[in-house]
Amino acid sequence: MDLPRTDFKQQQTRKRRILIGVGLAALAATTLALAGLKPAAPEVERGAVWVDTVKRGELLRQVRGPGTLVPKEIRWIAAESDGRVERVLVKPGATVKADTVLLELYNPDVVRAFDDARAGYAGAQADHAALKVRVENEELDQRARHAAARADYESAKLQVEAEAELVENGVVSQITYKRSVLTAEQLKVKLDIETERLGKAKGSVDAQVNASLARLEQSRTSFKLREQQFRGLKVRAGISGVLQQLPVEAGQQVQQGMNLARVAQPETLIAELRIPETQARDVALGQKVAVDTRNGIVEGAVLRIDPGVSNGTVQVDVELTGALPRGARPDLSVDGTIEIERLADVLYVGRPAYGQPESTITLFKLDADGDEARRVPVALGRSSVNLIEVRQGLVEGDQVVLSDTAQWDDYDRIELK
């Protein structure tokens, strides 16, 4: 007779619970293991990235910027007075000399004022000459009176001396002698007065002549001003060169101070470079510059640095010391490279896509086989146009990826294939 097993159901239940527990534990362990795994490294085509090797040696620091060639000497000719353009004699592009008349203006008021000033100056010259003759004659008259007074006094003094001996011998009476002495004393006073008058006459002559000279100079200044305005009706180039601009035409009314023409000397050019403001801080006067004219490299030196910033750049004027190639002319586009300094025995590498000087960034460094690259922190130092100093994080011979790696910011390593 079969006996029923009462513990079979309990054993089945226990086995199911054990299997479920083991399964849950295995699932939890698998989940934890998968969570601890790092994401798979992305594969990158080796030819799609820029890889450079860290080197040690001399680093030439440079900054670069675009620019244009401009004349070193430019002269704007402004109108000396208001007027109407009568004739345009020269067109832009023509070679001119300093005295070349570019155009003629007309202003009747300027002509009339010039004629009046010229007549006034001539009258002032005549008045000065007449005054000078008159005061010189007055001085001569005073000299003559002074000489006569001196002669009278000397004669009276001799008379007194002669009568002094005769009085002792009784030949001349005392009263006659005393009268002679009194006369000599009166003539002495008269001589002193004439001497004083002569001195004052000289001072009066100088004062009158100086006053006349001042009036004459005032008249001459007024005449020169009117003459300059009159001559300014014929607008001249002022310097030898090429007429670049003439923004007026016949019949046009112009005002005093208005720019009428621009003349430049094309054979003497300088380069105006636009250097990014972040790189311009190390630029200094006298630094060497290589200017690329697209038809040759011309040597130069920094001549001037603009104190202000315009559109994120600083203007740097470069004096060209080398010979210009054929075809170099004003407004020609150029590129300039300024030599900042030479750093001896430093680690350097190509400049990364987003590597700024004096900063710390991360770069992908290739392993020994070159098949994998891991992200490492790198401290950068001073920079040049295409190179930058490495201060920490890399050693000589290391290879790093310098391309833009923003798309792999979530990965610490990449595989190169």
Protein backbone atom coordinates (compact mmCIF):
# COMPACT_ATOMS: atom_id res chain seq x y z
CA MET A 1 0.00 0.00 0.00
CA ASP A 2 1.41 3.40 -1.04
CA LEU A 3 1.77 6.04 1.65
CA PRO A 4 1.26 9.70 0.70
CA ARG A 5 4.33 11.99 1.07
CA THR A 6 3.36 15.09 2.93
CA ASP A 7 6.79 16.87 2.67
CA PHE A 8 7.03 16.75 -1.17
CA LYS A 9 5.13 19.96 -1.69
CA GLN A 10 7.30 21.75 0.89
CA GLN A 11 10.50 20.56 -0.82
CA GLN A 12 9.29 21.82 -4.22
CA THR A 13 8.45 25.18 -2.74
CA ARG A 14 11.87 25.37 -1.08
CA LYS A 15 13.66 24.52 -4.35
CA ARG A 16 11.74 27.19 -6.23
CA ARG A 17 12.65 29.79 -3.63
CA ILE A 18 16.32 28.78 -3.76
CA LEU A 19 16.38 28.97 -7.56
CA ILE A 20 14.66 32.36 -7.52
CA GLY A 21 17.16 33.65 -4.94
CA VAL A 22 20.12 32.37 -6.92
CA GLY A 23 18.69 33.94 -10.07
CA LEU A 24 18.15 37.28 -8.39
CA ALA A 25 21.65 37.21 -6.93
CA ALA A 26 23.11 36.39 -10.33
CA LEU A 27 21.07 39.16 -11.94
CA ALA A 28 22.24 41.67 -9.31
CA ALA A 29 25.86 40.61 -9.75
CA THR A 30 25.58 40.92 -13.51
CA THR A 31 23.98 44.36 -13.20
CA LEU A 32 26.74 45.55 -10.87
CA ALA A 33 29.40 44.18 -13.19
CA LEU A 34 27.88 45.88 -16.21
CA ALA A 35 27.51 49.16 -14.30
CA GLY A 36 31.18 49.08 -13.39
CA LEU A 37 32.27 48.64 -17.00
CA LYS A 38 33.52 51.77 -18.81
CA PRO A 39 31.94 52.68 -22.12
CA ALA A 40 33.69 51.23 -25.12
CA ALA A 41 36.43 53.47 -26.53
CA PRO A 42 35.39 55.08 -29.85
CA GLU A 43 37.39 54.18 -32.91
CA VAL A 44 38.96 57.13 -34.76
CA GLU A 45 40.57 57.20 -38.17
CA ARG A 46 44.23 58.07 -37.72
CA GLY A 47 44.17 60.30 -40.77
CA ALA A 48 41.23 62.26 -39.36
CA VAL A 49 43.21 63.70 -36.42
CA TRP A 50 46.33 65.80 -36.17
CA VAL A 51 49.05 64.08 -34.14
CA ASP A 52 52.25 65.87 -33.13
CA THR A 53 55.35 64.91 -31.16
CA VAL A 54 56.63 66.80 -28.13
CA LYS A 55 60.10 68.22 -28.82
CA ARG A 56 62.78 69.99 -26.82
CA GLY A 57 64.86 72.85 -28.15
CA GLU A 58 64.61 76.50 -29.13
CA LEU A 59 61.11 77.91 -29.46
CA LEU A 60 60.71 81.01 -31.61
CA ARG A 61 57.73 82.97 -30.30
CA GLN A 62 55.82 84.78 -33.01
CA VAL A 63 52.47 86.47 -33.54
CA ARG A 64 50.78 86.89 -36.88
CA GLY A 65 48.15 89.15 -38.33
CA PRO A 66 46.78 90.36 -41.66
CA GLY A 67 47.21 93.91 -42.89
CA THR A 68 47.70 96.24 -45.82
CA LEU A 69 50.47 98.35 -47.30
CA VAL A 70 49.94 102.09 -46.93
CA PRO A 71 52.10 105.11 -47.82
CA LYS A 72 54.28 106.29 -44.96
CA GLU A 73 53.69 109.93 -45.85
CA ILE A 74 50.19 111.02 -46.76
CA ARG A 75 49.17 114.64 -47.16
CA TRP A 76 45.59 115.87 -47.10
CA ILE A 77 45.20 119.28 -48.71
CA ALA A 78 42.46 121.36 -47.08
CA ALA A 79 40.79 124.53 -48.34
CA GLU A 80 42.39 127.70 -46.94
CA SER A 81 39.07 129.56 -47.24
CA ASP A 82 35.57 129.23 -48.59
CA GLY A 83 35.28 129.27 -52.36
CA ARG A 84 33.92 127.78 -55.56
CA VAL A 85 35.87 125.27 -57.62
CA GLU A 86 36.74 127.03 -60.86
CA ARG A 87 38.90 124.38 -62.53
CA VAL A 88 40.16 120.86 -61.82
CA LEU A 89 43.60 120.57 -63.39
CA VAL A 90 44.79 117.10 -62.29
CA LYS A 91 42.97 113.79 -61.95
CA PRO A 92 43.60 111.02 -59.38
CA GLY A 93 46.44 108.68 -60.29
CA ALA A 94 48.63 111.41 -61.75
CA THR A 95 52.18 111.96 -60.54
CA VAL A 96 52.57 115.43 -59.05
CA LYS A 97 55.29 117.63 -57.59
CA ALA A 98 55.12 119.85 -54.53
CA ASP A 99 54.20 122.98 -56.53
CA THR A 100 51.76 121.28 -58.92
CA VAL A 101 48.42 123.13 -58.96
CA LEU A 102 45.63 120.57 -58.56
CA LEU A 103 42.63 122.86 -58.81
CA GLU A 104 41.68 126.54 -58.65
CA LEU A 105 39.12 128.17 -56.36
CA TYR A 106 37.47 131.58 -56.58
CA ASN A 107 36.34 133.86 -53.74
CA PRO A 108 35.97 137.63 -54.41
CA ASP A 109 36.10 138.45 -50.69
CA VAL A 110 39.49 136.78 -50.36
CA VAL A 111 40.82 138.69 -53.39
CA ARG A 112 39.55 142.01 -52.02
CA ALA A 113 40.93 141.36 -48.54
CA PHE A 114 44.31 140.49 -50.03
CA ASP A 115 44.44 143.74 -52.03
CA ASP A 116 43.50 145.78 -48.94
CA ALA A 117 46.06 144.03 -46.78
CA ARG A 118 48.78 144.50 -49.39
CA ALA A 119 48.03 148.23 -49.64
CA GLY A 120 47.92 148.55 -45.86
CA TYR A 121 51.25 146.82 -45.50
CA ALA A 122 52.84 149.06 -48.14
CA GLY A 123 51.46 152.14 -46.31
CA ALA A 124 52.81 150.90 -43.00
CA GLN A 125 56.24 150.42 -44.55
CA ALA A 126 56.20 153.99 -45.90
CA ASP A 127 55.07 155.44 -42.55
CA HIS A 128 57.81 153.54 -40.76
CA ALA A 129 60.46 154.82 -43.14
CA ALA A 130 59.23 158.42 -42.77
CA LEU A 131 59.12 158.16 -38.99
CA LYS A 132 62.61 156.75 -38.91
CA VAL A 133 63.96 159.68 -40.98
CA ARG A 134 62.12 162.24 -38.81
CA VAL A 135 63.30 160.90 -35.47
CA GLU A 136 66.84 160.54 -36.78
CA ASN A 137 66.81 164.24 -37.78
CA GLU A 138 65.47 165.20 -34.36
CA GLU A 139 68.27 163.26 -32.76
CA LEU A 140 70.82 165.00 -34.97
CA ASP A 141 69.42 168.41 -34.00
CA GLN A 142 69.73 167.52 -30.35
CA ARG A 143 73.29 166.38 -30.90
CA ALA A 144 74.06 169.72 -32.52
CA ARG A 145 72.58 171.66 -29.57
CA HIS A 146 74.51 169.49 -27.18
CA ALA A 147 77.76 170.10 -29.10
CA ALA A 148 77.15 173.89 -29.10
CA ALA A 149 76.49 173.91 -25.34
CA ARG A 150 79.68 171.94 -24.76
CA ALA A 151 81.68 174.39 -26.91
CA ASP A 152 80.26 177.40 -25.05
CA TYR A 153 81.06 175.83 -21.71
CA GLU A 154 84.60 174.89 -22.70
CA SER A 155 85.19 178.46 -23.97
CA ALA A 156 83.87 179.99 -20.74
CA LYS A 157 86.00 177.62 -18.68
CA LEU A 158 89.12 178.71 -20.60
CA GLN A 159 88.14 182.33 -20.02
CA VAL A 160 87.92 181.74 -16.29
CA GLU A 161 91.27 180.01 -16.19
CA ALA A 162 92.94 182.84 -18.09
CA GLU A 163 91.40 185.58 -15.94
CA ALA A 164 92.37 183.76 -12.75
CA GLU A 165 96.09 184.52 -13.40
CA LEU A 166 95.36 188.08 -14.48
CA VAL A 167 93.36 188.85 -11.35
CA GLU A 168 96.42 188.10 -9.22
CA ASN A 169 98.49 190.59 -11.27
CA GLY A 170 95.76 193.21 -11.12
CA VAL A 171 95.24 193.24 -14.85
CA VAL A 172 91.61 192.04 -14.57
CA SER A 173 89.25 193.27 -11.90
CA GLN A 174 87.58 190.97 -9.43
CA ILE A 175 84.10 191.78 -10.70
CA THR A 176 85.05 190.87 -14.26
CA TYR A 177 86.50 187.58 -13.09
CA LYS A 178 83.42 186.75 -11.02
CA ARG A 179 81.18 187.46 -13.99
CA SER A 180 83.26 185.05 -16.06
CA VAL A 181 82.98 182.38 -13.36
CA LEU A 182 79.21 182.88 -13.19
CA THR A 183 78.92 182.62 -16.95
CA ALA A 184 80.92 179.36 -16.94
CA GLU A 185 78.67 177.93 -14.24
CA GLN A 186 75.54 178.82 -16.22
CA LEU A 187 76.97 177.21 -19.34
CA LYS A 188 77.86 174.10 -17.30
CA VAL A 189 74.22 173.79 -16.18
CA LYS A 190 73.08 174.32 -19.77
CA LEU A 191 75.49 171.57 -20.93
CA ASP A 192 74.14 169.16 -18.31
CA ILE A 193 70.59 169.89 -19.46
CA GLU A 194 71.49 169.33 -23.10
CA THR A 195 73.28 166.12 -22.17
CA GLU A 196 70.15 164.91 -20.38
CA ARG A 197 68.02 165.91 -23.35
CA LEU A 198 70.34 164.01 -25.68
CA GLY A 199 69.96 160.86 -23.58
CA LYS A 200 66.18 161.19 -23.51
CA ALA A 201 66.15 161.91 -27.22
CA LYS A 202 67.83 158.55 -27.86
CA GLY A 203 65.23 156.81 -25.71
CA SER A 204 62.41 158.64 -27.50
CA VAL A 205 63.81 157.65 -30.88
CA ASP A 206 63.99 153.99 -29.84
CA ALA A 207 60.45 154.06 -28.43
CA GLN A 208 58.97 155.65 -31.54
CA VAL A 209 60.84 153.30 -33.86
CA ASN A 210 59.82 150.24 -31.82
CA ALA A 211 56.18 151.33 -31.80
CA SER A 212 56.32 151.85 -35.54
CA LEU A 213 57.94 148.43 -35.99
CA ALA A 214 55.15 146.82 -33.94
CA ARG A 215 52.50 148.42 -36.17
CA LEU A 216 54.48 147.38 -39.23
CA GLU A 217 54.73 143.78 -37.98
CA GLN A 218 51.01 143.69 -37.28
CA SER A 219 50.32 144.92 -40.78
CA ARG A 220 52.77 142.38 -42.21
CA THR A 221 51.13 139.52 -40.31
CA SER A 222 47.72 140.51 -41.57
CA PHE A 223 49.09 140.77 -45.10
CA LYS A 224 50.77 137.34 -44.91
CA LEU A 225 47.53 135.77 -43.70
CA ARG A 226 45.56 137.33 -46.54
CA GLU A 227 48.30 136.38 -48.96
CA GLN A 228 48.21 132.77 -47.76
CA GLN A 229 44.43 132.68 -48.25
CA PHE A 230 44.81 134.26 -51.69
CA ARG A 231 47.52 131.81 -52.73
CA GLY A 232 45.38 129.02 -51.29
CA LEU A 233 42.85 129.63 -54.04
CA LYS A 234 45.33 127.71 -56.18
CA VAL A 235 45.46 124.35 -54.42
CA ARG A 236 48.91 122.77 -54.71
CA ALA A 237 50.06 119.23 -53.93
CA GLY A 238 52.54 120.23 -51.23
CA ILE A 239 54.68 117.09 -51.65
CA SER A 240 55.91 115.02 -54.56
CA GLY A 241 53.95 111.82 -55.07
CA VAL A 242 50.75 110.47 -56.57
CA LEU A 243 47.36 112.14 -56.35
CA GLN A 244 45.15 109.48 -54.75
CA GLN A 245 41.87 111.30 -54.14
CA LEU A 246 40.21 114.47 -55.43
CA PRO A 247 36.64 114.37 -54.09
CA VAL A 248 35.47 117.68 -55.65
CA GLU A 249 34.39 118.82 -59.10
CA ALA A 250 34.17 122.08 -61.02
CA GLY A 251 31.40 124.38 -59.81
CA GLN A 252 31.25 122.83 -56.35
CA GLN A 253 31.18 125.16 -53.33
CA VAL A 254 33.72 124.25 -50.64
CA GLN A 255 34.21 125.48 -47.09
CA GLN A 256 37.35 126.40 -45.21
CA GLY A 257 39.04 123.31 -43.77
CA MET A 258 37.35 120.89 -46.17
CA ASN A 259 39.65 118.16 -47.55
CA LEU A 260 40.12 118.74 -51.26
CA ALA A 261 42.77 116.18 -52.22
CA ARG A 262 45.06 113.45 -50.88
CA VAL A 263 48.63 113.00 -52.10
CA ALA A 264 50.86 110.08 -51.08
CA GLN A 265 54.39 108.95 -51.77
CA PRO A 266 53.93 105.36 -53.04
CA GLU A 267 57.62 104.55 -53.10
CA THR A 268 57.78 104.73 -49.28
CA LEU A 269 55.31 102.21 -47.83
CA ILE A 270 54.67 100.79 -44.39
CA ALA A 271 52.55 97.81 -43.35
CA GLU A 272 49.57 98.24 -41.04
CA LEU A 273 48.98 94.88 -39.34
CA ARG A 274 45.94 93.89 -37.27
CA ILE A 275 47.14 91.70 -34.39
CA PRO A 276 44.58 89.92 -32.16
CA GLU A 277 44.34 91.72 -28.83
CA THR A 278 45.15 88.53 -26.91
CA GLN A 279 48.51 88.27 -28.71
CA ALA A 280 49.41 91.95 -28.94
CA ARG A 281 50.44 92.28 -25.29
CA ASP A 282 53.96 90.99 -26.02
CA VAL A 283 54.55 93.17 -29.11
CA ALA A 284 57.17 95.91 -28.57
CA LEU A 285 58.80 98.62 -30.65
CA GLY A 286 61.76 97.54 -32.75
CA GLN A 287 60.86 93.84 -32.94
CA LYS A 288 61.64 92.08 -36.22
CA VAL A 289 58.80 91.48 -38.64
CA ALA A 290 58.48 89.37 -41.80
CA VAL A 291 55.83 90.77 -44.16
CA ASP A 292 54.43 88.38 -46.78
CA THR A 293 53.32 90.36 -49.85
CA ARG A 294 52.21 87.19 -51.73
CA ASN A 295 55.11 87.97 -54.06
CA GLY A 296 57.97 87.76 -51.60
CA ILE A 297 58.89 88.27 -47.95
CA VAL A 298 59.99 91.76 -46.88
CA GLU A 299 61.84 92.38 -43.62
CA GLY A 300 60.70 95.13 -41.30
CA ALA A 301 60.52 96.36 -37.71
CA VAL A 302 57.69 97.45 -35.43
CA LEU A 303 57.34 101.22 -35.80
CA ARG A 304 54.19 102.02 -33.80
CA ILE A 305 51.63 100.21 -31.66
CA ASP A 306 48.13 101.64 -31.48
CA PRO A 307 47.16 102.24 -27.82
CA GLY A 308 43.53 101.28 -28.48
CA VAL A 309 41.69 98.14 -29.56
CA SER A 310 39.37 98.07 -32.57
CA ASN A 311 37.16 95.06 -33.38
CA GLY A 312 39.29 92.79 -31.21
CA THR A 313 42.59 93.72 -32.86
CA VAL A 314 45.45 96.15 -32.24
CA GLN A 315 46.98 98.02 -35.16
CA VAL A 316 50.76 97.64 -35.43
CA ASP A 317 52.65 99.78 -37.94
CA VAL A 318 55.70 98.13 -39.48
CA GLU A 319 58.53 100.03 -41.17
CA LEU A 320 59.77 98.02 -44.15
CA THR A 321 63.57 97.81 -44.17
CA GLY A 322 63.88 95.36 -47.05
CA ALA A 323 63.34 95.98 -50.74
CA LEU A 324 59.75 95.76 -51.93
CA PRO A 325 58.99 93.25 -54.68
CA ARG A 326 57.53 94.32 -57.99
CA GLY A 327 53.82 94.98 -57.83
CA ALA A 328 53.86 96.26 -54.25
CA ARG A 329 51.51 99.22 -54.03
CA PRO A 330 49.25 100.98 -51.52
CA ASP A 331 46.27 98.97 -50.18
CA LEU A 332 47.93 95.65 -51.08
CA SER A 333 46.83 92.90 -48.65
CA VAL A 334 49.72 91.33 -46.72
CA ASP A 335 50.37 89.02 -43.75
CA GLY A 336 52.90 89.95 -41.07
CA THR A 337 54.72 87.73 -38.59
CA ILE A 338 56.30 89.50 -35.60
CA GLU A 339 59.19 87.83 -33.77
CA ILE A 340 58.57 88.21 -30.03
CA GLU A 341 61.47 86.29 -28.46
CA ARG A 342 63.54 83.09 -28.65
CA LEU A 343 63.17 80.58 -25.82
CA ALA A 344 66.15 78.26 -25.40
CA ASP A 345 65.82 74.60 -24.30
CA VAL A 346 62.08 74.29 -23.66
CA LEU A 347 59.51 71.56 -24.30
CA TYR A 348 57.08 72.49 -27.04
CA VAL A 349 54.46 71.01 -29.28
CA GLY A 350 52.10 72.13 -32.01
CA ARG A 351 49.41 74.49 -30.79
CA PRO A 352 46.20 72.57 -29.92
CA ALA A 353 42.89 73.60 -31.43
CA TYR A 354 41.67 75.21 -28.19
CA GLY A 355 44.92 75.56 -26.26
CA GLN A 356 45.41 79.03 -24.79
CA PRO A 357 48.73 80.26 -23.33
CA GLU A 358 49.24 79.94 -19.58
CA SER A 359 46.39 77.43 -19.16
CA THR A 360 45.83 73.77 -18.29
CA ILE A 361 43.95 71.54 -20.73
CA THR A 362 43.53 67.81 -21.40
CA LEU A 363 44.99 66.09 -24.46
CA PHE A 364 44.84 62.54 -25.77
CA LYS A 365 48.34 61.04 -25.44
CA LEU A 366 49.17 58.03 -27.62
CA ASP A 367 50.53 54.86 -26.01
CA ALA A 368 53.77 53.22 -27.08
CA ASP A 369 52.10 51.26 -29.86
CA GLY A 370 50.21 54.25 -31.12
CA ASP A 371 46.94 52.31 -31.26
CA GLU A 372 45.28 53.93 -28.25
CA ALA A 373 45.26 57.42 -26.77
CA ARG A 374 44.37 58.33 -23.19
CA ARG A 375 43.37 61.74 -21.87
CA VAL A 376 46.00 63.46 -19.72
CA PRO A 377 46.17 66.97 -18.16
CA VAL A 378 48.77 69.26 -19.73
CA ALA A 379 49.98 72.65 -18.43
CA LEU A 380 50.77 75.05 -21.27
CA GLY A 381 53.04 78.09 -21.16
CA ARG A 382 54.03 80.74 -23.67
CA SER A 383 52.81 80.41 -27.22
CA SER A 384 53.83 81.20 -30.77
CA VAL A 385 51.89 81.20 -34.03
CA ASN A 386 51.82 77.39 -34.45
CA LEU A 387 53.73 76.17 -31.38
CA ILE A 388 53.22 76.34 -27.62
CA GLU A 389 55.40 75.65 -24.59
CA VAL A 390 54.69 72.52 -22.49
CA ARG A 391 55.34 73.00 -18.77
CA GLN A 392 53.84 69.86 -17.21
CA GLY A 393 52.10 66.66 -18.21
CA LEU A 394 54.22 65.58 -21.17
CA VAL A 395 57.83 64.62 -21.85
CA GLU A 396 60.01 64.74 -24.92
CA GLY A 397 58.91 62.20 -27.51
CA ASP A 398 55.28 61.94 -26.38
CA GLN A 399 52.72 61.99 -29.15
CA VAL A 400 49.44 63.84 -28.60
CA VAL A 401 46.30 64.57 -30.59
CA LEU A 402 46.01 68.31 -31.28
CA SER A 403 42.80 68.26 -33.28
CA ASP A 404 39.45 69.36 -31.88
CA THR A 405 38.33 66.44 -29.65
CA ALA A 406 35.11 67.97 -28.31
CA GLN A 407 33.06 65.08 -29.73
CA TRP A 408 34.92 62.69 -27.41
CA ASP A 409 34.62 64.72 -24.21
CA ASP A 410 32.74 61.84 -22.56
CA TYR A 411 35.60 59.39 -23.14
CA ASP A 412 38.98 59.09 -21.42
CA ARG A 413 40.49 57.08 -24.25
CA ILE A 414 40.14 56.57 -27.98
CA GLU A 415 41.35 53.87 -30.35
CA LEU A 416 43.23 54.82 -33.49
CA LYS A 417 42.93 52.63 -36.55
